N, C-alpha and C. Protein backbone atom coordinates (compact mmCIF):
# COMPACT_ATOMS: atom_id res chain seq x y z
N UNK A 1 5.13 -9.49 2.98
CA UNK A 1 4.49 -10.22 1.90
C UNK A 1 3.13 -10.74 2.34
N UNK A 2 3.00 -11.18 3.57
CA UNK A 2 1.72 -11.68 4.07
C UNK A 2 0.67 -10.59 4.01
N UNK A 3 1.02 -9.37 4.40
CA UNK A 3 0.07 -8.26 4.36
C UNK A 3 -0.39 -8.00 2.93
N UNK A 4 0.53 -8.03 1.98
CA UNK A 4 0.16 -7.80 0.59
C UNK A 4 -0.76 -8.90 0.08
N UNK A 5 -0.50 -10.14 0.46
CA UNK A 5 -1.38 -11.24 0.05
C UNK A 5 -2.78 -11.02 0.57
N UNK A 6 -2.90 -10.54 1.80
CA UNK A 6 -4.21 -10.24 2.37
C UNK A 6 -4.88 -9.10 1.61
N UNK A 7 -4.11 -8.09 1.24
CA UNK A 7 -4.66 -6.97 0.47
C UNK A 7 -5.13 -7.46 -0.89
N UNK A 8 -4.29 -8.26 -1.57
CA UNK A 8 -4.67 -8.80 -2.87
C UNK A 8 -5.94 -9.63 -2.77
N UNK A 9 -6.00 -10.48 -1.76
CA UNK A 9 -7.19 -11.31 -1.56
C UNK A 9 -8.41 -10.44 -1.31
N UNK A 10 -8.24 -9.36 -0.56
CA UNK A 10 -9.34 -8.43 -0.30
C UNK A 10 -9.82 -7.74 -1.56
N UNK A 11 -8.89 -7.33 -2.41
CA UNK A 11 -9.25 -6.68 -3.67
C UNK A 11 -10.03 -7.65 -4.54
N UNK A 12 -9.51 -8.86 -4.68
CA UNK A 12 -10.18 -9.86 -5.52
C UNK A 12 -11.56 -10.18 -4.96
N UNK A 13 -11.66 -10.37 -3.67
CA UNK A 13 -12.96 -10.68 -3.06
C UNK A 13 -13.93 -9.52 -3.21
N UNK A 14 -13.46 -8.29 -3.06
CA UNK A 14 -14.32 -7.12 -3.25
C UNK A 14 -14.85 -7.05 -4.67
N UNK A 15 -14.00 -7.34 -5.64
CA UNK A 15 -14.44 -7.35 -7.04
C UNK A 15 -15.44 -8.48 -7.29
N UNK A 16 -15.20 -9.63 -6.66
CA UNK A 16 -16.12 -10.76 -6.81
C UNK A 16 -17.50 -10.39 -6.26
N UNK A 17 -17.52 -9.83 -5.06
CA UNK A 17 -18.79 -9.47 -4.42
C UNK A 17 -19.53 -8.39 -5.22
N UNK A 18 -18.79 -7.50 -5.86
CA UNK A 18 -19.42 -6.44 -6.64
C UNK A 18 -19.82 -6.93 -8.04
N UNK A 19 -19.49 -8.17 -8.36
CA UNK A 19 -19.85 -8.72 -9.66
C UNK A 19 -19.01 -8.17 -10.80
N UNK A 20 -17.79 -7.73 -10.49
CA UNK A 20 -16.95 -7.11 -11.51
C UNK A 20 -15.82 -8.00 -12.02
N UNK A 21 -15.81 -9.27 -11.63
CA UNK A 21 -14.78 -10.16 -12.16
C UNK A 21 -15.25 -10.70 -13.50
N UNK A 22 -14.42 -10.60 -14.53
CA UNK A 22 -14.82 -11.17 -15.82
C UNK A 22 -14.80 -12.70 -15.77
N UNK A 23 -15.52 -13.32 -16.65
CA UNK A 23 -15.52 -14.78 -16.74
C UNK A 23 -14.46 -15.20 -17.75
N UNK A 24 -13.39 -15.80 -17.24
CA UNK A 24 -12.26 -16.18 -18.09
C UNK A 24 -12.08 -17.69 -18.18
N UNK A 25 -13.14 -18.43 -17.87
CA UNK A 25 -13.06 -19.89 -17.93
C UNK A 25 -12.61 -20.34 -19.30
N UNK A 26 -11.61 -21.23 -19.34
CA UNK A 26 -11.10 -21.75 -20.60
C UNK A 26 -10.13 -20.82 -21.31
N UNK A 27 -9.81 -19.69 -20.71
CA UNK A 27 -8.92 -18.71 -21.33
C UNK A 27 -7.50 -18.87 -20.75
N UNK A 28 -6.52 -18.96 -21.64
CA UNK A 28 -5.11 -18.99 -21.24
C UNK A 28 -4.53 -17.60 -21.45
N UNK A 29 -3.75 -17.14 -20.48
CA UNK A 29 -3.21 -15.78 -20.53
C UNK A 29 -1.70 -15.81 -20.38
N UNK A 30 -1.03 -15.10 -21.30
CA UNK A 30 0.41 -14.89 -21.22
C UNK A 30 0.59 -13.40 -20.94
N UNK A 31 1.09 -13.05 -19.78
CA UNK A 31 1.24 -11.65 -19.36
C UNK A 31 2.67 -11.23 -19.66
N UNK A 32 2.82 -10.33 -20.62
CA UNK A 32 4.15 -9.82 -20.98
C UNK A 32 4.28 -8.44 -20.36
N UNK A 33 5.25 -8.28 -19.47
CA UNK A 33 5.37 -7.03 -18.72
C UNK A 33 5.78 -5.85 -19.58
N UNK A 34 6.55 -6.09 -20.60
CA UNK A 34 6.93 -5.00 -21.50
C UNK A 34 8.07 -4.15 -21.00
N UNK A 35 8.61 -3.33 -21.89
CA UNK A 35 9.78 -2.52 -21.54
C UNK A 35 9.51 -1.45 -20.49
N UNK A 36 8.28 -0.98 -20.38
CA UNK A 36 8.02 0.07 -19.39
C UNK A 36 8.24 -0.43 -17.97
N UNK A 37 7.90 -1.68 -17.71
CA UNK A 37 8.14 -2.25 -16.38
C UNK A 37 9.63 -2.43 -16.16
N UNK A 38 10.33 -2.88 -17.19
CA UNK A 38 11.77 -3.08 -17.06
C UNK A 38 12.49 -1.75 -16.84
N UNK A 39 12.11 -0.70 -17.59
CA UNK A 39 12.79 0.58 -17.47
C UNK A 39 12.42 1.31 -16.18
N UNK A 40 11.31 0.92 -15.56
CA UNK A 40 10.91 1.54 -14.29
C UNK A 40 11.77 1.04 -13.14
N UNK A 41 12.61 0.06 -13.45
CA UNK A 41 13.52 -0.50 -12.45
C UNK A 41 12.78 -1.05 -11.23
N UNK A 42 11.75 -1.83 -11.50
CA UNK A 42 11.04 -2.52 -10.42
C UNK A 42 12.01 -3.50 -9.78
N UNK A 43 11.93 -3.64 -8.49
CA UNK A 43 12.75 -4.64 -7.81
C UNK A 43 12.14 -6.02 -8.07
N UNK A 44 12.92 -7.04 -7.87
CA UNK A 44 12.42 -8.41 -8.02
C UNK A 44 11.24 -8.65 -7.09
N UNK A 45 11.33 -8.12 -5.90
CA UNK A 45 10.27 -8.29 -4.92
C UNK A 45 8.95 -7.68 -5.42
N UNK A 46 9.03 -6.48 -5.99
CA UNK A 46 7.82 -5.83 -6.51
C UNK A 46 7.24 -6.61 -7.67
N UNK A 47 8.11 -7.09 -8.56
CA UNK A 47 7.63 -7.88 -9.70
C UNK A 47 6.97 -9.18 -9.24
N UNK A 48 7.54 -9.82 -8.23
CA UNK A 48 6.94 -11.04 -7.70
C UNK A 48 5.59 -10.77 -7.07
N UNK A 49 5.45 -9.64 -6.38
CA UNK A 49 4.16 -9.29 -5.78
C UNK A 49 3.14 -8.96 -6.86
N UNK A 50 3.58 -8.29 -7.91
CA UNK A 50 2.69 -7.97 -9.02
C UNK A 50 2.21 -9.25 -9.70
N UNK A 51 3.13 -10.16 -9.92
CA UNK A 51 2.75 -11.45 -10.51
C UNK A 51 1.77 -12.20 -9.60
N UNK A 52 2.04 -12.21 -8.30
CA UNK A 52 1.16 -12.91 -7.36
C UNK A 52 -0.25 -12.34 -7.41
N UNK A 53 -0.37 -11.00 -7.49
CA UNK A 53 -1.69 -10.38 -7.57
C UNK A 53 -2.42 -10.84 -8.83
N UNK A 54 -1.76 -10.72 -10.00
CA UNK A 54 -2.43 -11.08 -11.25
C UNK A 54 -2.73 -12.57 -11.32
N UNK A 55 -1.86 -13.39 -10.76
CA UNK A 55 -2.12 -14.83 -10.74
C UNK A 55 -3.39 -15.10 -9.93
N UNK A 56 -3.51 -14.47 -8.77
CA UNK A 56 -4.68 -14.64 -7.91
C UNK A 56 -5.95 -14.11 -8.61
N UNK A 57 -5.85 -12.95 -9.22
CA UNK A 57 -6.99 -12.33 -9.90
C UNK A 57 -7.48 -13.19 -11.07
N UNK A 58 -6.54 -13.62 -11.91
CA UNK A 58 -6.90 -14.41 -13.09
C UNK A 58 -7.47 -15.76 -12.66
N UNK A 59 -6.92 -16.36 -11.64
CA UNK A 59 -7.44 -17.63 -11.13
C UNK A 59 -8.86 -17.44 -10.60
N UNK A 60 -9.12 -16.35 -9.90
CA UNK A 60 -10.46 -16.08 -9.38
C UNK A 60 -11.47 -15.90 -10.51
N UNK A 61 -10.98 -15.48 -11.67
CA UNK A 61 -11.85 -15.28 -12.83
C UNK A 61 -12.02 -16.57 -13.64
N UNK A 62 -11.30 -17.61 -13.25
CA UNK A 62 -11.40 -18.88 -13.95
C UNK A 62 -10.40 -19.05 -15.07
N UNK A 63 -9.49 -18.09 -15.22
CA UNK A 63 -8.48 -18.16 -16.28
C UNK A 63 -7.24 -18.91 -15.85
N UNK A 64 -6.33 -19.07 -16.78
CA UNK A 64 -5.09 -19.79 -16.55
C UNK A 64 -3.93 -18.91 -16.97
N UNK A 65 -3.17 -18.38 -15.99
CA UNK A 65 -2.01 -17.55 -16.28
C UNK A 65 -0.84 -18.47 -16.63
N UNK A 66 -0.51 -18.52 -17.91
CA UNK A 66 0.55 -19.41 -18.38
C UNK A 66 1.94 -18.85 -18.12
N UNK A 67 2.08 -17.52 -18.22
CA UNK A 67 3.40 -16.91 -18.04
C UNK A 67 3.24 -15.46 -17.61
N UNK A 68 4.22 -14.98 -16.89
CA UNK A 68 4.31 -13.57 -16.47
C UNK A 68 5.79 -13.22 -16.60
N UNK A 69 6.16 -12.57 -17.71
CA UNK A 69 7.57 -12.31 -17.94
C UNK A 69 7.75 -11.14 -18.90
N UNK A 70 8.98 -10.65 -19.02
CA UNK A 70 9.24 -9.53 -19.93
C UNK A 70 9.31 -9.94 -21.40
N UNK A 71 9.33 -11.24 -21.66
CA UNK A 71 9.36 -11.73 -23.04
C UNK A 71 8.32 -12.84 -23.20
N UNK A 72 7.83 -12.99 -24.41
CA UNK A 72 6.83 -14.01 -24.69
C UNK A 72 7.54 -15.30 -25.08
N UNK A 73 7.38 -16.31 -24.25
CA UNK A 73 7.99 -17.61 -24.52
C UNK A 73 6.94 -18.70 -24.44
N UNK A 74 7.17 -19.78 -25.14
CA UNK A 74 6.27 -20.94 -25.08
C UNK A 74 4.82 -20.55 -25.29
N UNK A 75 4.56 -19.87 -26.39
CA UNK A 75 3.23 -19.37 -26.68
C UNK A 75 2.35 -20.42 -27.35
N UNK A 76 2.37 -21.62 -26.86
CA UNK A 76 1.50 -22.67 -27.40
C UNK A 76 1.82 -23.00 -28.84
N UNK A 77 0.85 -23.54 -29.52
CA UNK A 77 1.04 -23.90 -30.92
C UNK A 77 1.94 -25.11 -31.06
N UNK A 78 2.30 -25.42 -32.29
CA UNK A 78 3.13 -26.59 -32.54
C UNK A 78 4.56 -26.23 -32.90
N UNK A 79 4.95 -24.99 -32.64
CA UNK A 79 6.32 -24.58 -32.86
C UNK A 79 6.60 -24.04 -34.25
N UNK A 80 5.59 -23.93 -35.11
CA UNK A 80 5.79 -23.41 -36.46
C UNK A 80 5.45 -21.94 -36.54
């Protein structure tokens, strides 16, 4: 896992240096993995690593990753 974190950090830093990170300041993101990820039979470990990468990437862009799951829950609003 440590090696993957270093790889993820390297990817994010490379994108930052190349000026390819979007500006997501003030943006909230709900990442829904969808059925294709579920049917691909990803292991829990792979899903956790995938979430860690996107969390790091979105944070580097100034965004806020609210959720990373196969279903959309707690999507803001007032419940109506």
